[in-house]
């Protein structure tokens, strides 16, 4: 259990670690934030197209839609973590 806790603490980057590489991490954060904002728009379009198609079985369509909803939830959680950093 201790190794899992240590791994999570090590992978969480805060400003005190990234300040010495300030311009590089700011550029990375801007790119990440752009893609995080772009993803829900694309995912909603995919969900709409999946719901309207009739060539897939209903269970496959629901599986794609639920996976997209979970991915949007992960993306919004990542945005909150990015603002917290």
PDB file of N, CA and C in Angstrom:
ATOM      1  N   UNK A   1       0.819  -1.194   0.000  1.00  0.00           N
ATOM      2  CA  UNK A   1       0.000   0.000   0.000  1.00  0.00           C
ATOM      3  C   UNK A   1       0.862   1.257   0.000  1.00  0.00           C
ATOM      4  N   UNK A   2       1.972   1.205   0.677  1.00  0.00           N
ATOM      5  CA  UNK A   2       2.861   2.369   0.750  1.00  0.00           C
ATOM      6  C   UNK A   2       3.420   2.727  -0.620  1.00  0.00           C
ATOM      7  N   UNK A   3       3.721   1.719  -1.437  1.00  0.00           N
ATOM      8  CA  UNK A   3       4.284   2.008  -2.759  1.00  0.00           C
ATOM      9  C   UNK A   3       3.262   2.673  -3.660  1.00  0.00           C
ATOM     10  N   UNK A   4       1.994   2.295  -3.537  1.00  0.00           N
ATOM     11  CA  UNK A   4       0.952   2.936  -4.338  1.00  0.00           C
ATOM     12  C   UNK A   4       0.804   4.392  -3.924  1.00  0.00           C
ATOM     13  N   UNK A   5       0.796   4.664  -2.637  1.00  0.00           N
ATOM     14  CA  UNK A   5       0.678   6.034  -2.150  1.00  0.00           C
ATOM     15  C   UNK A   5       1.869   6.872  -2.608  1.00  0.00           C
ATOM     16  N   UNK A   6       3.058   6.315  -2.554  1.00  0.00           N
ATOM     17  CA  UNK A   6       4.255   7.024  -2.996  1.00  0.00           C
ATOM     18  C   UNK A   6       4.198   7.301  -4.488  1.00  0.00           C
ATOM     19  N   UNK A   7       3.711   6.330  -5.264  1.00  0.00           N
ATOM     20  CA  UNK A   7       3.618   6.512  -6.699  1.00  0.00           C
ATOM     21  C   UNK A   7       2.659   7.650  -7.029  1.00  0.00           C
ATOM     22  N   UNK A   8       1.524   7.722  -6.336  1.00  0.00           N
ATOM     23  CA  UNK A   8       0.569   8.788  -6.600  1.00  0.00           C
ATOM     24  C   UNK A   8       1.122  10.149  -6.207  1.00  0.00           C
ATOM     25  N   UNK A   9       1.863  10.219  -5.125  1.00  0.00           N
ATOM     26  CA  UNK A   9       2.448  11.488  -4.702  1.00  0.00           C
ATOM     27  C   UNK A   9       3.534  11.927  -5.679  1.00  0.00           C
ATOM     28  N   UNK A  10       4.323  11.002  -6.182  1.00  0.00           N
ATOM     29  CA  UNK A  10       5.402  11.347  -7.110  1.00  0.00           C
ATOM     30  C   UNK A  10       4.840  11.835  -8.439  1.00  0.00           C
ATOM     31  N   UNK A  11       3.750  11.246  -8.902  1.00  0.00           N
ATOM     32  CA  UNK A  11       3.216  11.612 -10.210  1.00  0.00           C
ATOM     33  C   UNK A  11       2.403  12.899 -10.184  1.00  0.00           C
ATOM     34  N   UNK A  12       2.095  13.420  -9.025  1.00  0.00           N
ATOM     35  CA  UNK A  12       1.351  14.666  -8.917  1.00  0.00           C
ATOM     36  C   UNK A  12       2.334  15.827  -8.916  1.00  0.00           C
ATOM     37  N   UNK A  13       2.350  16.581  -9.994  1.00  0.00           N
ATOM     38  CA  UNK A  13       3.281  17.703 -10.116  1.00  0.00           C
ATOM     39  C   UNK A  13       2.613  18.974  -9.599  1.00  0.00           C
ATOM     40  N   UNK A  14       3.302  19.689  -8.752  1.00  0.00           N
ATOM     41  CA  UNK A  14       2.785  20.972  -8.305  1.00  0.00           C
ATOM     42  C   UNK A  14       3.718  22.087  -8.776  1.00  0.00           C
ATOM     43  N   UNK A  15       3.339  23.308  -8.469  1.00  0.00           N
ATOM     44  CA  UNK A  15       4.089  24.456  -8.982  1.00  0.00           C
ATOM     45  C   UNK A  15       5.496  24.552  -8.405  1.00  0.00           C
ATOM     46  N   UNK A  16       5.722  24.065  -7.213  1.00  0.00           N
ATOM     47  CA  UNK A  16       7.066  24.164  -6.639  1.00  0.00           C
ATOM     48  C   UNK A  16       8.064  23.290  -7.396  1.00  0.00           C
ATOM     49  N   UNK A  17       7.587  22.224  -8.011  1.00  0.00           N
ATOM     50  CA  UNK A  17       8.475  21.366  -8.801  1.00  0.00           C
ATOM     51  C   UNK A  17       8.684  21.937 -10.197  1.00  0.00           C
ATOM     52  N   UNK A  18       7.634  22.495 -10.792  1.00  0.00           N
ATOM     53  CA  UNK A  18       7.708  22.922 -12.189  1.00  0.00           C
ATOM     54  C   UNK A  18       8.136  24.369 -12.372  1.00  0.00           C
ATOM     55  N   UNK A  19       8.290  25.145 -11.308  1.00  0.00           N
ATOM     56  CA  UNK A  19       8.644  26.559 -11.464  1.00  0.00           C
ATOM     57  C   UNK A  19      10.031  26.773 -12.064  1.00  0.00           C
ATOM     58  N   UNK A  20      10.944  25.879 -11.823  1.00  0.00           N
ATOM     59  CA  UNK A  20      12.280  26.075 -12.397  1.00  0.00           C
ATOM     60  C   UNK A  20      12.287  25.848 -13.914  1.00  0.00           C
ATOM     61  N   UNK A  21      11.283  25.146 -14.437  1.00  0.00           N
ATOM     62  CA  UNK A  21      11.145  24.936 -15.880  1.00  0.00           C
ATOM     63  C   UNK A  21       9.910  25.675 -16.385  1.00  0.00           C
ATOM     64  N   UNK A  22       9.735  26.878 -15.927  1.00  0.00           N
ATOM     65  CA  UNK A  22       8.484  27.600 -16.112  1.00  0.00           C
ATOM     66  C   UNK A  22       8.003  27.703 -17.559  1.00  0.00           C
ATOM     67  N   UNK A  23       8.743  28.166 -18.511  1.00  0.00           N
ATOM     68  CA  UNK A  23       8.132  28.315 -19.840  1.00  0.00           C
ATOM     69  C   UNK A  23       7.769  26.978 -20.480  1.00  0.00           C
ATOM     70  N   UNK A  24       8.524  25.936 -20.195  1.00  0.00           N
ATOM     71  CA  UNK A  24       8.258  24.645 -20.826  1.00  0.00           C
ATOM     72  C   UNK A  24       6.968  24.023 -20.298  1.00  0.00           C
ATOM     73  N   UNK A  25       6.796  24.035 -18.994  1.00  0.00           N
ATOM     74  CA  UNK A  25       5.587  23.447 -18.433  1.00  0.00           C
ATOM     75  C   UNK A  25       4.359  24.293 -18.729  1.00  0.00           C
ATOM     76  N   UNK A  26       4.515  25.590 -18.847  1.00  0.00           N
ATOM     77  CA  UNK A  26       3.375  26.428 -19.212  1.00  0.00           C
ATOM     78  C   UNK A  26       2.894  26.093 -20.620  1.00  0.00           C
ATOM     79  N   UNK A  27       3.811  25.864 -21.533  1.00  0.00           N
ATOM     80  CA  UNK A  27       3.441  25.477 -22.897  1.00  0.00           C
ATOM     81  C   UNK A  27       2.754  24.118 -22.893  1.00  0.00           C
ATOM     82  N   UNK A  28       3.280  23.182 -22.123  1.00  0.00           N
ATOM     83  CA  UNK A  28       2.664  21.855 -22.034  1.00  0.00           C
ATOM     84  C   UNK A  28       1.262  21.964 -21.441  1.00  0.00           C
ATOM     85  N   UNK A  29       1.091  22.782 -20.406  1.00  0.00           N
ATOM     86  CA  UNK A  29      -0.221  22.942 -19.790  1.00  0.00           C
ATOM     87  C   UNK A  29      -1.215  23.588 -20.755  1.00  0.00           C
ATOM     88  N   UNK A  30      -0.760  24.524 -21.560  1.00  0.00           N
ATOM     89  CA  UNK A  30      -1.655  25.157 -22.534  1.00  0.00           C
ATOM     90  C   UNK A  30      -2.110  24.139 -23.576  1.00  0.00           C
ATOM     91  N   UNK A  31      -1.186  23.334 -24.086  1.00  0.00           N
ATOM     92  CA  UNK A  31      -1.569  22.297 -25.049  1.00  0.00           C
ATOM     93  C   UNK A  31      -2.531  21.286 -24.415  1.00  0.00           C
ATOM     94  N   UNK A  32      -2.234  20.874 -23.209  1.00  0.00           N
ATOM     95  CA  UNK A  32      -3.111  19.910 -22.540  1.00  0.00           C
ATOM     96  C   UNK A  32      -4.497  20.504 -22.308  1.00  0.00           C
ATOM     97  N   UNK A  33      -4.551  21.747 -21.870  1.00  0.00           N
ATOM     98  CA  UNK A  33      -5.836  22.392 -21.628  1.00  0.00           C
ATOM     99  C   UNK A  33      -6.630  22.547 -22.918  1.00  0.00           C
ATOM    100  N   UNK A  34      -5.946  22.868 -24.023  1.00  0.00           N
ATOM    101  CA  UNK A  34      -6.617  22.974 -25.318  1.00  0.00           C
ATOM    102  C   UNK A  34      -7.245  21.642 -25.713  1.00  0.00           C
ATOM    103  N   UNK A  35      -6.497  20.556 -25.576  1.00  0.00           N
ATOM    104  CA  UNK A  35      -7.032  19.250 -25.937  1.00  0.00           C
ATOM    105  C   UNK A  35      -8.121  18.796 -24.967  1.00  0.00           C
ATOM    106  N   UNK A  36      -8.002  19.178 -23.704  1.00  0.00           N
ATOM    107  CA  UNK A  36      -9.051  18.836 -22.748  1.00  0.00           C
ATOM    108  C   UNK A  36     -10.346  19.580 -23.047  1.00  0.00           C
ATOM    109  N   UNK A  37     -10.261  20.787 -23.551  1.00  0.00           N
ATOM    110  CA  UNK A  37     -11.464  21.517 -23.941  1.00  0.00           C
ATOM    111  C   UNK A  37     -12.026  21.027 -25.269  1.00  0.00           C
ATOM    112  N   UNK A  38     -11.165  20.560 -26.142  1.00  0.00           N
ATOM    113  CA  UNK A  38     -11.602  20.079 -27.448  1.00  0.00           C
ATOM    114  C   UNK A  38     -12.260  18.706 -27.357  1.00  0.00           C
ATOM    115  N   UNK A  39     -11.818  17.879 -26.424  1.00  0.00           N
ATOM    116  CA  UNK A  39     -12.305  16.505 -26.351  1.00  0.00           C
ATOM    117  C   UNK A  39     -13.809  16.378 -26.118  1.00  0.00           C
ATOM    118  N   UNK A  40     -14.436  17.112 -25.172  1.00  0.00           N
ATOM    119  CA  UNK A  40     -15.890  16.945 -24.996  1.00  0.00           C
ATOM    120  C   UNK A  40     -16.694  17.305 -26.239  1.00  0.00           C
ATOM    121  N   UNK A  41     -16.241  18.290 -26.992  1.00  0.00           N
ATOM    122  CA  UNK A  41     -16.940  18.654 -28.223  1.00  0.00           C
ATOM    123  C   UNK A  41     -16.908  17.487 -29.205  1.00  0.00           C
ATOM    124  N   UNK A  42     -15.742  16.888 -29.362  1.00  0.00           N
ATOM    125  CA  UNK A  42     -15.604  15.748 -30.269  1.00  0.00           C
ATOM    126  C   UNK A  42     -16.376  14.545 -29.737  1.00  0.00           C
ATOM    127  N   UNK A  43     -16.310  14.314 -28.440  1.00  0.00           N
ATOM    128  CA  UNK A  43     -16.994  13.155 -27.854  1.00  0.00           C
ATOM    129  C   UNK A  43     -18.509  13.281 -27.977  1.00  0.00           C
ATOM    130  N   UNK A  44     -19.038  14.472 -27.812  1.00  0.00           N
ATOM    131  CA  UNK A  44     -20.484  14.663 -27.955  1.00  0.00           C
ATOM    132  C   UNK A  44     -20.911  14.415 -29.391  1.00  0.00           C
ATOM    133  N   UNK A  45     -20.107  14.856 -30.351  1.00  0.00           N
ATOM    134  CA  UNK A  45     -20.420  14.573 -31.761  1.00  0.00           C
ATOM    135  C   UNK A  45     -20.395  13.072 -32.048  1.00  0.00           C
ATOM    136  N   UNK A  46     -19.423  12.382 -31.482  1.00  0.00           N
ATOM    137  CA  UNK A  46     -19.342  10.928 -31.664  1.00  0.00           C
ATOM    138  C   UNK A  46     -20.545  10.251 -31.012  1.00  0.00           C
ATOM    139  N   UNK A  47     -20.949  10.732 -29.843  1.00  0.00           N
ATOM    140  CA  UNK A  47     -22.113  10.148 -29.177  1.00  0.00           C
ATOM    141  C   UNK A  47     -23.388  10.374 -29.991  1.00  0.00           C
ATOM    142  N   UNK A  48     -23.533  11.552 -30.584  1.00  0.00           N
ATOM    143  CA  UNK A  48     -24.707  11.818 -31.414  1.00  0.00           C
ATOM    144  C   UNK A  48     -24.718  10.932 -32.654  1.00  0.00           C
ATOM    145  N   UNK A  49     -23.578  10.805 -33.299  1.00  0.00           N
ATOM    146  CA  UNK A  49     -23.502   9.959 -34.490  1.00  0.00           C
ATOM    147  C   UNK A  49     -23.743   8.492 -34.146  1.00  0.00           C
ATOM    148  N   UNK A  50     -23.248   8.061 -33.003  1.00  0.00           N
ATOM    149  CA  UNK A  50     -23.450   6.680 -32.578  1.00  0.00           C
ATOM    150  C   UNK A  50     -24.917   6.418 -32.276  1.00  0.00           C
ATOM    151  N   UNK A  51     -25.585   7.371 -31.648  1.00  0.00           N
ATOM    152  CA  UNK A  51     -26.985   7.181 -31.300  1.00  0.00           C
ATOM    153  C   UNK A  51     -27.871   7.147 -32.543  1.00  0.00           C
ATOM    154  N   UNK A  52     -27.526   7.912 -33.565  1.00  0.00           N
ATOM    155  CA  UNK A  52     -28.356   8.002 -34.768  1.00  0.00           C
ATOM    156  C   UNK A  52     -28.149   6.851 -35.749  1.00  0.00           C
ATOM    157  N   UNK A  53     -27.026   6.180 -35.670  1.00  0.00           N
ATOM    158  CA  UNK A  53     -26.764   5.116 -36.628  1.00  0.00           C
ATOM    159  C   UNK A  53     -27.606   3.884 -36.309  1.00  0.00           C
ATOM    160  N   UNK A  54     -27.931   3.133 -37.329  1.00  0.00           N
ATOM    161  CA  UNK A  54     -28.695   1.898 -37.141  1.00  0.00           C
ATOM    162  C   UNK A  54     -27.894   0.672 -37.545  1.00  0.00           C
ATOM    163  N   UNK A  55     -26.677   0.872 -37.992  1.00  0.00           N
ATOM    164  CA  UNK A  55     -25.884  -0.268 -38.447  1.00  0.00           C
ATOM    165  C   UNK A  55     -25.239  -1.030 -37.293  1.00  0.00           C
ATOM    166  N   UNK A  56     -25.145  -0.423 -36.115  1.00  0.00           N
ATOM    167  CA  UNK A  56     -24.607  -1.106 -34.938  1.00  0.00           C
ATOM    168  C   UNK A  56     -25.747  -1.625 -34.070  1.00  0.00           C
ATOM    169  N   UNK A  57     -25.474  -2.675 -33.346  1.00  0.00           N
ATOM    170  CA  UNK A  57     -26.446  -3.192 -32.386  1.00  0.00           C
ATOM    171  C   UNK A  57     -26.594  -2.193 -31.239  1.00  0.00           C
ATOM    172  N   UNK A  58     -27.758  -2.195 -30.614  1.00  0.00           N
ATOM    173  CA  UNK A  58     -28.045  -1.224 -29.559  1.00  0.00           C
ATOM    174  C   UNK A  58     -27.055  -1.332 -28.399  1.00  0.00           C
ATOM    175  N   UNK A  59     -26.656  -2.538 -28.036  1.00  0.00           N
ATOM    176  CA  UNK A  59     -25.708  -2.694 -26.929  1.00  0.00           C
ATOM    177  C   UNK A  59     -24.348  -2.087 -27.260  1.00  0.00           C
ATOM    178  N   UNK A  60     -23.914  -2.218 -28.495  1.00  0.00           N
ATOM    179  CA  UNK A  60     -22.637  -1.617 -28.909  1.00  0.00           C
ATOM    180  C   UNK A  60     -22.746  -0.098 -28.879  1.00  0.00           C
ATOM    181  N   UNK A  61     -23.870   0.414 -29.344  1.00  0.00           N
ATOM    182  CA  UNK A  61     -24.052   1.865 -29.317  1.00  0.00           C
ATOM    183  C   UNK A  61     -24.056   2.395 -27.889  1.00  0.00           C
ATOM    184  N   UNK A  62     -24.761   1.704 -26.995  1.00  0.00           N
ATOM    185  CA  UNK A  62     -24.788   2.138 -25.594  1.00  0.00           C
ATOM    186  C   UNK A  62     -23.413   2.032 -24.952  1.00  0.00           C
ATOM    187  N   UNK A  63     -22.676   1.017 -25.321  1.00  0.00           N
ATOM    188  CA  UNK A  63     -21.324   0.873 -24.765  1.00  0.00           C
ATOM    189  C   UNK A  63     -20.417   2.024 -25.209  1.00  0.00           C
ATOM    190  N   UNK A  64     -20.520   2.425 -26.459  1.00  0.00           N
ATOM    191  CA  UNK A  64     -19.728   3.558 -26.960  1.00  0.00           C
ATOM    192  C   UNK A  64     -20.145   4.847 -26.252  1.00  0.00           C
ATOM    193  N   UNK A  65     -21.448   5.033 -26.075  1.00  0.00           N
ATOM    194  CA  UNK A  65     -21.939   6.256 -25.437  1.00  0.00           C
ATOM    195  C   UNK A  65     -21.524   6.313 -23.968  1.00  0.00           C
ATOM    196  N   UNK A  66     -21.657   5.209 -23.249  1.00  0.00           N
ATOM    197  CA  UNK A  66     -21.265   5.193 -21.836  1.00  0.00           C
ATOM    198  C   UNK A  66     -19.762   5.406 -21.695  1.00  0.00           C
ATOM    199  N   UNK A  67     -18.985   4.813 -22.589  1.00  0.00           N
ATOM    200  CA  UNK A  67     -17.535   5.030 -22.556  1.00  0.00           C
ATOM    201  C   UNK A  67     -17.197   6.492 -22.813  1.00  0.00           C
ATOM    202  N   UNK A  68     -17.929   7.126 -23.715  1.00  0.00           N
ATOM    203  CA  UNK A  68     -17.696   8.542 -23.991  1.00  0.00           C
ATOM    204  C   UNK A  68     -18.069   9.408 -22.796  1.00  0.00           C
ATOM    205  N   UNK A  69     -19.149   9.073 -22.118  1.00  0.00           N
ATOM    206  CA  UNK A  69     -19.554   9.832 -20.929  1.00  0.00           C
ATOM    207  C   UNK A  69     -18.496   9.703 -19.833  1.00  0.00           C
ATOM    208  N   UNK A  70     -17.987   8.497 -19.636  1.00  0.00           N
ATOM    209  CA  UNK A  70     -16.931   8.304 -18.640  1.00  0.00           C
ATOM    210  C   UNK A  70     -15.658   9.059 -19.025  1.00  0.00           C
ATOM    211  N   UNK A  71     -15.349   9.097 -20.313  1.00  0.00           N
ATOM    212  CA  UNK A  71     -14.168   9.835 -20.762  1.00  0.00           C
ATOM    213  C   UNK A  71     -14.348  11.337 -20.547  1.00  0.00           C
ATOM    214  N   UNK A  72     -15.560  11.830 -20.746  1.00  0.00           N
ATOM    215  CA  UNK A  72     -15.828  13.246 -20.485  1.00  0.00           C
ATOM    216  C   UNK A  72     -15.704  13.538 -18.990  1.00  0.00           C
ATOM    217  N   UNK A  73     -16.161  12.623 -18.148  1.00  0.00           N
ATOM    218  CA  UNK A  73     -16.009  12.801 -16.699  1.00  0.00           C
ATOM    219  C   UNK A  73     -14.534  12.822 -16.311  1.00  0.00           C
ATOM    220  N   UNK A  74     -13.741  11.934 -16.894  1.00  0.00           N
ATOM    221  CA  UNK A  74     -12.299  11.945 -16.624  1.00  0.00           C
ATOM    222  C   UNK A  74     -11.671  13.258 -17.095  1.00  0.00           C
ATOM    223  N   UNK A  75     -12.089  13.729 -18.258  1.00  0.00           N
ATOM    224  CA  UNK A  75     -11.539  14.969 -18.795  1.00  0.00           C
ATOM    225  C   UNK A  75     -11.870  16.148 -17.886  1.00  0.00           C
ATOM    226  N   UNK A  76     -13.103  16.211 -17.400  1.00  0.00           N
ATOM    227  CA  UNK A  76     -13.453  17.316 -16.500  1.00  0.00           C
ATOM    228  C   UNK A  76     -12.693  17.213 -15.179  1.00  0.00           C
ATOM    229  N   UNK A  77     -12.469  16.003 -14.692  1.00  0.00           N
ATOM    230  CA  UNK A  77     -11.668  15.843 -13.478  1.00  0.00           C
ATOM    231  C   UNK A  77     -10.229  16.289 -13.713  1.00  0.00           C
ATOM    232  N   UNK A  78      -9.709  16.000 -14.876  1.00  0.00           N
ATOM    233  CA  UNK A  78      -8.338  16.418 -15.199  1.00  0.00           C
ATOM    234  C   UNK A  78      -8.247  17.943 -15.294  1.00  0.00           C
ATOM    235  N   UNK A  79      -9.281  18.593 -15.787  1.00  0.00           N
ATOM    236  CA  UNK A  79      -9.288  20.062 -15.835  1.00  0.00           C
ATOM    237  C   UNK A  79      -9.234  20.628 -14.417  1.00  0.00           C
ATOM    238  N   UNK A  80      -9.995  20.040 -13.483  1.00  0.00           N
ATOM    239  CA  UNK A  80      -9.958  20.506 -12.098  1.00  0.00           C
ATOM    240  C   UNK A  80      -8.582  20.295 -11.481  1.00  0.00           C
ATOM    241  N   UNK A  81      -7.973  19.163 -11.765  1.00  0.00           N
ATOM    242  CA  UNK A  81      -6.623  18.905 -11.244  1.00  0.00           C
ATOM    243  C   UNK A  81      -5.624  19.878 -11.854  1.00  0.00           C
ATOM    244  N   UNK A  82      -5.783  20.184 -13.129  1.00  0.00           N
ATOM    245  CA  UNK A  82      -4.875  21.120 -13.791  1.00  0.00           C
ATOM    246  C   UNK A  82      -4.980  22.509 -13.169  1.00  0.00           C
ATOM    247  N   UNK A  83      -6.190  22.944 -12.822  1.00  0.00           N
ATOM    248  CA  UNK A  83      -6.348  24.237 -12.161  1.00  0.00           C
ATOM    249  C   UNK A  83      -5.800  24.205 -10.740  1.00  0.00           C
ATOM    250  N   UNK A  84      -5.866  23.053 -10.099  1.00  0.00           N
ATOM    251  CA  UNK A  84      -5.357  22.934  -8.729  1.00  0.00           C
ATOM    252  C   UNK A  84      -3.834  22.964  -8.688  1.00  0.00           C
ATOM    253  N   UNK A  85      -3.197  22.508  -9.754  1.00  0.00           N
ATOM    254  CA  UNK A  85      -1.740  22.486  -9.783  1.00  0.00           C
ATOM    255  C   UNK A  85      -1.232  23.898  -9.823  1.00  0.00           C
TER     256      UNK A  85
END
